[in-house]
Amino acid sequence: MDEPRIKVKVSEIRCETGNVKTFKLILAEGEIVFTPGQFVMLYAKIDGEEVGRAYSIASSPLDKGSIELTIELTPDGRLTPFFHKKVEVGDEFEISQPKGHFTYTEEMGNEIVLIAGGSGVVPFRSIMKYCTQKKLDTKITLLYSAKTVDRIIYREELNRLADENRNITVLYTITRQTEGWDGRAGRIDRQLLEGNFSPKKLFYICGPIPFIRDIGATLKELGADRQNIKRDVWGA
């Protein structure tokens, strides 16, 4: 038997970067219960055919009555061009029940390192907002790799969360040097990981497959236990 879907309506659309938008979806009725880091399937009718894709939930479970999905445009995809170019406030869609085990709750540990490549930062926004709203003592370090400064998703919000929550540290690194950028340049390398490593910490990696593979291998070399490394591959 198919699981019941959840009806949602677009109430707000925000441009995060030139190719990334966040869609706030109001629930038609009731609430949606999820754990930070989970995803939903988003369904839309395109040219008479139903298309579904998985998207990490960007909002916190404590944001009642709605969820937010952040969608990066993939020009050769089907769903992302539709959402970026066609969808308007008031449009209605369906989503699945929340899924996935790439999650964080306070019982899992109080020191976590979130390692993001590109739009892999999306589930980490949910985790960081949740921990801040609940005033948890969780020490969070976000290592975020983006191609250029203008491709950093949620930059102002991430900086604000770090200002509000003394337990949050945000470190950006840019892989393609941008004029005027005086921060760290290059990929997330062994040196950066080693500087934020402890065998007691939980490590979450989200981004393209090669990114996840390389980061995971380096963490193992540094001595991280396999069960302390969580991986999530994003896609469009």
C-alpha atoms as a PDB file:
ATOM      1  CA  MET A   1       0.000   0.000   0.000  1.00  0.00           C
ATOM      2  CA  ASP A   2       1.339   3.419  -0.982  1.00  0.00           C
ATOM      3  CA  GLU A   3       2.077   5.759   1.896  1.00  0.00           C
ATOM      4  CA  PRO A   4      -0.174   8.820   2.151  1.00  0.00           C
ATOM      5  CA  ARG A   5       1.273  11.983   0.657  1.00  0.00           C
ATOM      6  CA  ILE A   6       1.177  15.449   2.161  1.00  0.00           C
ATOM      7  CA  LYS A   7      -0.445  18.325   0.253  1.00  0.00           C
ATOM      8  CA  VAL A   8       1.494  21.595   0.330  1.00  0.00           C
ATOM      9  CA  LYS A   9       1.191  25.092  -1.131  1.00  0.00           C
ATOM     10  CA  VAL A  10       4.030  27.454  -2.057  1.00  0.00           C
ATOM     11  CA  SER A  11       3.826  30.509   0.207  1.00  0.00           C
ATOM     12  CA  GLU A  12       7.209  32.113  -0.431  1.00  0.00           C
ATOM     13  CA  ILE A  13      10.090  31.870  -2.907  1.00  0.00           C
ATOM     14  CA  ARG A  14      13.519  33.251  -2.018  1.00  0.00           C
ATOM     15  CA  CYS A  15      16.584  33.528  -4.235  1.00  0.00           C
ATOM     16  CA  GLU A  16      19.608  32.279  -2.303  1.00  0.00           C
ATOM     17  CA  THR A  17      22.146  32.567  -5.144  1.00  0.00           C
ATOM     18  CA  GLY A  18      21.962  32.956  -8.908  1.00  0.00           C
ATOM     19  CA  ASN A  19      21.012  29.299  -9.349  1.00  0.00           C
ATOM     20  CA  VAL A  20      19.497  28.351  -5.983  1.00  0.00           C
ATOM     21  CA  LYS A  21      16.022  29.108  -4.631  1.00  0.00           C
ATOM     22  CA  THR A  22      14.278  28.228  -1.379  1.00  0.00           C
ATOM     23  CA  PHE A  23      10.575  27.337  -1.488  1.00  0.00           C
ATOM     24  CA  LYS A  24       8.501  27.662   1.666  1.00  0.00           C
ATOM     25  CA  LEU A  25       5.691  25.103   1.564  1.00  0.00           C
ATOM     26  CA  ILE A  26       2.642  25.512   3.779  1.00  0.00           C
ATOM     27  CA  LEU A  27       0.998  22.277   4.881  1.00  0.00           C
ATOM     28  CA  ALA A  28      -2.629  21.906   3.837  1.00  0.00           C
ATOM     29  CA  GLU A  29      -3.461  20.438   7.235  1.00  0.00           C
ATOM     30  CA  GLY A  30      -1.782  19.161  10.382  1.00  0.00           C
ATOM     31  CA  GLU A  31       1.929  19.098  11.048  1.00  0.00           C
ATOM     32  CA  ILE A  32       4.874  17.229   9.612  1.00  0.00           C
ATOM     33  CA  VAL A  33       7.150  15.430  12.061  1.00  0.00           C
ATOM     34  CA  PHE A  34      10.763  14.977  11.032  1.00  0.00           C
ATOM     35  CA  THR A  35      14.293  14.851  12.399  1.00  0.00           C
ATOM     36  CA  PRO A  36      16.932  17.391  11.299  1.00  0.00           C
ATOM     37  CA  GLY A  37      18.760  16.023   8.256  1.00  0.00           C
ATOM     38  CA  GLN A  38      15.854  14.090   6.728  1.00  0.00           C
ATOM     39  CA  PHE A  39      14.481  14.559   3.201  1.00  0.00           C
ATOM     40  CA  VAL A  40      11.157  14.338   1.374  1.00  0.00           C
ATOM     41  CA  MET A  41      10.175  13.351  -2.136  1.00  0.00           C
ATOM     42  CA  LEU A  42       8.702  16.320  -4.009  1.00  0.00           C
ATOM     43  CA  TYR A  43       6.177  15.517  -6.748  1.00  0.00           C
ATOM     44  CA  ALA A  44       5.013  17.670  -9.665  1.00  0.00           C
ATOM     45  CA  LYS A  45       3.098  17.117 -12.908  1.00  0.00           C
ATOM     46  CA  ILE A  46       5.273  18.158 -15.848  1.00  0.00           C
ATOM     47  CA  ASP A  47       3.870  17.806 -19.369  1.00  0.00           C
ATOM     48  CA  GLY A  48       1.250  15.417 -18.036  1.00  0.00           C
ATOM     49  CA  GLU A  49       3.771  13.143 -16.335  1.00  0.00           C
ATOM     50  CA  GLU A  50       4.426  12.949 -12.613  1.00  0.00           C
ATOM     51  CA  VAL A  51       8.042  13.620 -11.685  1.00  0.00           C
ATOM     52  CA  GLY A  52       9.447  13.067  -8.200  1.00  0.00           C
ATOM     53  CA  ARG A  53      12.808  14.005  -6.712  1.00  0.00           C
ATOM     54  CA  ALA A  54      14.335  13.835  -3.245  1.00  0.00           C
ATOM     55  CA  TYR A  55      15.189  17.078  -1.447  1.00  0.00           C
ATOM     56  CA  SER A  56      16.643  17.623   1.993  1.00  0.00           C
ATOM     57  CA  ILE A  57      14.441  19.601   4.347  1.00  0.00           C
ATOM     58  CA  ALA A  58      16.114  22.970   4.897  1.00  0.00           C
ATOM     59  CA  SER A  59      13.955  24.150   7.793  1.00  0.00           C
ATOM     60  CA  SER A  60      13.923  23.145  11.451  1.00  0.00           C
ATOM     61  CA  PRO A  61      11.386  20.672  12.876  1.00  0.00           C
ATOM     62  CA  LEU A  62      10.438  23.465  15.268  1.00  0.00           C
ATOM     63  CA  ASP A  63       9.211  25.667  12.387  1.00  0.00           C
ATOM     64  CA  LYS A  64       5.588  24.572  12.615  1.00  0.00           C
ATOM     65  CA  GLY A  65       3.027  24.549   9.810  1.00  0.00           C
ATOM     66  CA  SER A  66       5.494  24.535   6.930  1.00  0.00           C
ATOM     67  CA  ILE A  67       8.753  23.176   5.586  1.00  0.00           C
ATOM     68  CA  GLU A  68      11.368  24.719   3.335  1.00  0.00           C
ATOM     69  CA  LEU A  69      13.118  23.060   0.405  1.00  0.00           C
ATOM     70  CA  THR A  70      16.175  24.619  -1.198  1.00  0.00           C
ATOM     71  CA  ILE A  71      16.526  23.660  -4.849  1.00  0.00           C
ATOM     72  CA  GLU A  72      19.599  24.152  -7.021  1.00  0.00           C
ATOM     73  CA  LEU A  73      18.951  24.589 -10.740  1.00  0.00           C
ATOM     74  CA  THR A  74      20.180  21.696 -12.850  1.00  0.00           C
ATOM     75  CA  PRO A  75      19.663  22.857 -16.469  1.00  0.00           C
ATOM     76  CA  ASP A  76      19.420  19.341 -17.915  1.00  0.00           C
ATOM     77  CA  GLY A  77      17.099  18.106 -15.154  1.00  0.00           C
ATOM     78  CA  ARG A  78      13.312  17.988 -15.256  1.00  0.00           C
ATOM     79  CA  LEU A  79      12.091  19.120 -11.867  1.00  0.00           C
ATOM     80  CA  THR A  80      14.583  21.864 -11.057  1.00  0.00           C
ATOM     81  CA  PRO A  81      14.043  23.940 -14.252  1.00  0.00           C
ATOM     82  CA  PHE A  82      10.291  23.617 -13.688  1.00  0.00           C
ATOM     83  CA  PHE A  83      10.536  24.931 -10.132  1.00  0.00           C
ATOM     84  CA  HIS A  84      12.955  27.715 -11.007  1.00  0.00           C
ATOM     85  CA  LYS A  85      11.111  28.980 -14.085  1.00  0.00           C
ATOM     86  CA  LYS A  86       7.450  28.004 -13.739  1.00  0.00           C
ATOM     87  CA  VAL A  87       6.440  27.677 -10.099  1.00  0.00           C
ATOM     88  CA  GLU A  88       4.768  30.637  -8.406  1.00  0.00           C
ATOM     89  CA  VAL A  89       3.430  31.450  -4.954  1.00  0.00           C
ATOM     90  CA  GLY A  90       0.077  29.700  -4.547  1.00  0.00           C
ATOM     91  CA  ASP A  91       0.949  26.625  -6.602  1.00  0.00           C
ATOM     92  CA  GLU A  92       0.124  23.312  -4.941  1.00  0.00           C
ATOM     93  CA  PHE A  93       2.146  20.095  -4.853  1.00  0.00           C
ATOM     94  CA  GLU A  94       2.557  16.888  -2.903  1.00  0.00           C
ATOM     95  CA  ILE A  95       5.440  15.635  -0.815  1.00  0.00           C
ATOM     96  CA  SER A  96       6.172  12.283   0.777  1.00  0.00           C
ATOM     97  CA  GLN A  97       6.506  11.537   4.443  1.00  0.00           C
ATOM     98  CA  PRO A  98       9.998  12.449   5.742  1.00  0.00           C
ATOM     99  CA  LYS A  99      12.685   9.836   5.068  1.00  0.00           C
ATOM    100  CA  GLY A 100      16.354   9.118   5.678  1.00  0.00           C
ATOM    101  CA  HIS A 101      18.884   8.423   8.410  1.00  0.00           C
ATOM    102  CA  PHE A 102      21.290  11.323   7.814  1.00  0.00           C
ATOM    103  CA  THR A 103      20.033  12.860  11.043  1.00  0.00           C
ATOM    104  CA  TYR A 104      21.100  14.536  14.242  1.00  0.00           C
ATOM    105  CA  THR A 105      19.485  14.539  17.680  1.00  0.00           C
ATOM    106  CA  GLU A 106      21.048  15.647  20.941  1.00  0.00           C
ATOM    107  CA  GLU A 107      21.347  12.067  22.210  1.00  0.00           C
ATOM    108  CA  MET A 108      23.885  11.287  19.478  1.00  0.00           C
ATOM    109  CA  GLY A 109      26.678  13.459  20.870  1.00  0.00           C
ATOM    110  CA  ASN A 110      27.515  17.068  21.644  1.00  0.00           C
ATOM    111  CA  GLU A 111      30.361  17.703  19.182  1.00  0.00           C
ATOM    112  CA  ILE A 112      29.631  17.550  15.463  1.00  0.00           C
ATOM    113  CA  VAL A 113      31.438  18.636  12.316  1.00  0.00           C
ATOM    114  CA  LEU A 114      29.255  19.357   9.282  1.00  0.00           C
ATOM    115  CA  ILE A 115      31.181  19.150   6.002  1.00  0.00           C
ATOM    116  CA  ALA A 116      29.372  20.570   2.971  1.00  0.00           C
ATOM    117  CA  GLY A 117      30.163  20.789  -0.715  1.00  0.00           C
ATOM    118  CA  GLY A 118      27.920  23.151  -2.697  1.00  0.00           C
ATOM    119  CA  SER A 119      24.227  22.580  -2.037  1.00  0.00           C
ATOM    120  CA  GLY A 120      25.200  19.852   0.414  1.00  0.00           C
ATOM    121  CA  VAL A 121      24.809  22.576   3.030  1.00  0.00           C
ATOM    122  CA  VAL A 122      20.996  22.306   2.904  1.00  0.00           C
ATOM    123  CA  PRO A 123      20.406  19.618   5.573  1.00  0.00           C
ATOM    124  CA  PHE A 124      22.977  21.327   7.789  1.00  0.00           C
ATOM    125  CA  ARG A 125      20.853  24.479   7.903  1.00  0.00           C
ATOM    126  CA  SER A 126      18.108  22.345   9.454  1.00  0.00           C
ATOM    127  CA  ILE A 127      20.491  20.911  12.049  1.00  0.00           C
ATOM    128  CA  MET A 128      22.011  24.286  12.933  1.00  0.00           C
ATOM    129  CA  LYS A 129      18.642  26.027  13.237  1.00  0.00           C
ATOM    130  CA  TYR A 130      17.251  23.213  15.380  1.00  0.00           C
ATOM    131  CA  CYS A 131      20.192  23.245  17.789  1.00  0.00           C
ATOM    132  CA  THR A 132      20.019  27.033  18.077  1.00  0.00           C
ATOM    133  CA  GLN A 133      16.252  27.123  18.636  1.00  0.00           C
ATOM    134  CA  LYS A 134      16.480  24.432  21.330  1.00  0.00           C
ATOM    135  CA  LYS A 135      19.473  26.165  22.926  1.00  0.00           C
ATOM    136  CA  LEU A 136      21.430  22.910  22.905  1.00  0.00           C
ATOM    137  CA  ASP A 137      25.026  22.775  24.083  1.00  0.00           C
ATOM    138  CA  THR A 138      26.044  20.960  20.891  1.00  0.00           C
ATOM    139  CA  LYS A 139      29.335  22.309  19.550  1.00  0.00           C
ATOM    140  CA  ILE A 140      28.946  22.623  15.778  1.00  0.00           C
ATOM    141  CA  THR A 141      31.649  23.309  13.211  1.00  0.00           C
ATOM    142  CA  LEU A 142      30.521  23.863   9.620  1.00  0.00           C
ATOM    143  CA  LEU A 143      33.182  23.404   6.937  1.00  0.00           C
ATOM    144  CA  TYR A 144      31.604  24.704   3.742  1.00  0.00           C
ATOM    145  CA  SER A 145      33.242  24.505   0.318  1.00  0.00           C
ATOM    146  CA  ALA A 146      31.777  26.567  -2.536  1.00  0.00           C
ATOM    147  CA  LYS A 147      33.093  27.355  -6.001  1.00  0.00           C
ATOM    148  CA  THR A 148      32.836  31.134  -5.613  1.00  0.00           C
ATOM    149  CA  VAL A 149      31.690  33.606  -2.969  1.00  0.00           C
ATOM    150  CA  ASP A 150      28.408  34.271  -4.753  1.00  0.00           C
ATOM    151  CA  ARG A 151      27.669  30.535  -4.737  1.00  0.00           C
ATOM    152  CA  ILE A 152      27.635  30.348  -0.928  1.00  0.00           C
ATOM    153  CA  ILE A 153      24.072  29.387   0.007  1.00  0.00           C
ATOM    154  CA  TYR A 154      22.578  30.968   3.172  1.00  0.00           C
ATOM    155  CA  ARG A 155      25.741  33.000   3.775  1.00  0.00           C
ATOM    156  CA  GLU A 156      24.073  35.806   5.748  1.00  0.00           C
ATOM    157  CA  GLU A 157      21.926  33.378   7.723  1.00  0.00           C
ATOM    158  CA  LEU A 158      24.839  31.086   8.556  1.00  0.00           C
ATOM    159  CA  ASN A 159      26.847  34.061   9.790  1.00  0.00           C
ATOM    160  CA  ARG A 160      23.878  35.205  11.872  1.00  0.00           C
ATOM    161  CA  LEU A 161      23.476  31.749  13.422  1.00  0.00           C
ATOM    162  CA  ALA A 162      27.161  31.764  14.347  1.00  0.00           C
ATOM    163  CA  ASP A 163      26.721  35.195  15.946  1.00  0.00           C
ATOM    164  CA  GLU A 164      23.640  34.080  17.901  1.00  0.00           C
ATOM    165  CA  ASN A 165      24.989  30.706  18.990  1.00  0.00           C
ATOM    166  CA  ARG A 166      28.451  30.695  20.592  1.00  0.00           C
ATOM    167  CA  ASN A 167      28.660  26.931  19.958  1.00  0.00           C
ATOM    168  CA  ILE A 168      28.587  27.373  16.165  1.00  0.00           C
ATOM    169  CA  THR A 169      31.709  27.984  14.071  1.00  0.00           C
ATOM    170  CA  VAL A 170      31.409  28.507  10.308  1.00  0.00           C
ATOM    171  CA  LEU A 171      34.458  28.134   8.051  1.00  0.00           C
ATOM    172  CA  TYR A 172      34.142  28.835   4.322  1.00  0.00           C
ATOM    173  CA  THR A 173      36.592  27.844   1.633  1.00  0.00           C
ATOM    174  CA  ILE A 174      36.352  28.894  -2.018  1.00  0.00           C
ATOM    175  CA  THR A 175      37.693  26.606  -4.735  1.00  0.00           C
ATOM    176  CA  ARG A 176      37.789  29.230  -7.486  1.00  0.00           C
ATOM    177  CA  GLN A 177      39.434  32.406  -6.242  1.00  0.00           C
ATOM    178  CA  THR A 178      37.061  35.352  -6.380  1.00  0.00           C
ATOM    179  CA  GLU A 179      38.249  38.941  -6.532  1.00  0.00           C
ATOM    180  CA  GLY A 180      37.837  40.595  -3.164  1.00  0.00           C
ATOM    181  CA  TRP A 181      37.674  37.337  -1.197  1.00  0.00           C
ATOM    182  CA  ASP A 182      40.182  37.370   1.651  1.00  0.00           C
ATOM    183  CA  GLY A 183      39.076  34.110   3.260  1.00  0.00           C
ATOM    184  CA  ARG A 184      40.330  30.580   2.800  1.00  0.00           C
ATOM    185  CA  ALA A 185      40.842  29.351  -0.781  1.00  0.00           C
ATOM    186  CA  GLY A 186      41.053  25.788  -2.061  1.00  0.00           C
ATOM    187  CA  ARG A 187      39.278  22.570  -1.241  1.00  0.00           C
ATOM    188  CA  ILE A 188      38.557  21.121   2.174  1.00  0.00           C
ATOM    189  CA  ASP A 189      41.875  19.354   2.615  1.00  0.00           C
ATOM    190  CA  ARG A 190      43.600  17.156   5.171  1.00  0.00           C
ATOM    191  CA  GLN A 191      45.024  20.153   7.022  1.00  0.00           C
ATOM    192  CA  LEU A 192      41.598  21.728   7.539  1.00  0.00           C
ATOM    193  CA  LEU A 193      40.073  18.417   8.603  1.00  0.00           C
ATOM    194  CA  GLU A 194      42.961  17.649  10.943  1.00  0.00           C
ATOM    195  CA  GLY A 195      42.559  21.046  12.596  1.00  0.00           C
ATOM    196  CA  ASN A 196      38.953  20.201  13.425  1.00  0.00           C
ATOM    197  CA  PHE A 197      39.417  16.523  14.212  1.00  0.00           C
ATOM    198  CA  SER A 198      38.771  14.565  17.370  1.00  0.00           C
ATOM    199  CA  PRO A 199      37.888  10.861  17.539  1.00  0.00           C
ATOM    200  CA  LYS A 200      35.000  11.807  19.834  1.00  0.00           C
ATOM    201  CA  LYS A 201      33.298  14.004  17.233  1.00  0.00           C
ATOM    202  CA  LEU A 202      30.530  13.016  14.801  1.00  0.00           C
ATOM    203  CA  PHE A 203      31.232  13.902  11.170  1.00  0.00           C
ATOM    204  CA  TYR A 204      28.493  14.578   8.604  1.00  0.00           C
ATOM    205  CA  ILE A 205      29.434  14.836   4.917  1.00  0.00           C
ATOM    206  CA  CYS A 206      27.049  16.043   2.213  1.00  0.00           C
ATOM    207  CA  GLY A 207      27.855  16.957  -1.385  1.00  0.00           C
ATOM    208  CA  PRO A 208      28.876  15.379  -4.698  1.00  0.00           C
ATOM    209  CA  ILE A 209      29.979  11.742  -4.642  1.00  0.00           C
ATOM    210  CA  PRO A 210      33.736  12.421  -5.208  1.00  0.00           C
ATOM    211  CA  PHE A 211      33.641  15.033  -2.423  1.00  0.00           C
ATOM    212  CA  ILE A 212      32.069  12.583   0.015  1.00  0.00           C
ATOM    213  CA  ARG A 213      34.470   9.804  -0.962  1.00  0.00           C
ATOM    214  CA  ASP A 214      37.593  11.942  -0.524  1.00  0.00           C
ATOM    215  CA  ILE A 215      36.514  13.525   2.764  1.00  0.00           C
ATOM    216  CA  GLY A 216      35.456  10.158   4.173  1.00  0.00           C
ATOM    217  CA  ALA A 217      38.781   8.565   3.248  1.00  0.00           C
ATOM    218  CA  THR A 218      40.741  11.372   4.887  1.00  0.00           C
ATOM    219  CA  LEU A 219      38.697  11.161   8.085  1.00  0.00           C
ATOM    220  CA  LYS A 220      39.404   7.430   8.287  1.00  0.00           C
ATOM    221  CA  GLU A 221      43.125   8.090   7.832  1.00  0.00           C
ATOM    222  CA  LEU A 222      42.944  10.556  10.709  1.00  0.00           C
ATOM    223  CA  GLY A 223      41.424   7.877  12.922  1.00  0.00           C
ATOM    224  CA  ALA A 224      37.689   8.482  12.770  1.00  0.00           C
ATOM    225  CA  ASP A 225      35.567   5.443  13.571  1.00  0.00           C
ATOM    226  CA  ARG A 226      33.337   4.370  10.693  1.00  0.00           C
ATOM    227  CA  GLN A 227      30.218   4.694  12.837  1.00  0.00           C
ATOM    228  CA  ASN A 228      31.102   8.342  13.527  1.00  0.00           C
ATOM    229  CA  ILE A 229      31.040   9.278   9.832  1.00  0.00           C
ATOM    230  CA  LYS A 230      27.639   9.940   8.250  1.00  0.00           C
ATOM    231  CA  ARG A 231      27.280  10.485   4.516  1.00  0.00           C
ATOM    232  CA  ASP A 232      24.510  11.910   2.338  1.00  0.00           C
ATOM    233  CA  VAL A 233      24.732  12.317  -1.437  1.00  0.00           C
ATOM    234  CA  TRP A 234      22.733  15.211  -2.844  1.00  0.00           C
ATOM    235  CA  GLY A 235      21.198  15.315  -6.286  1.00  0.00           C
ATOM    236  CA  ALA A 236      18.732  17.301  -8.353  1.00  0.00           C
END
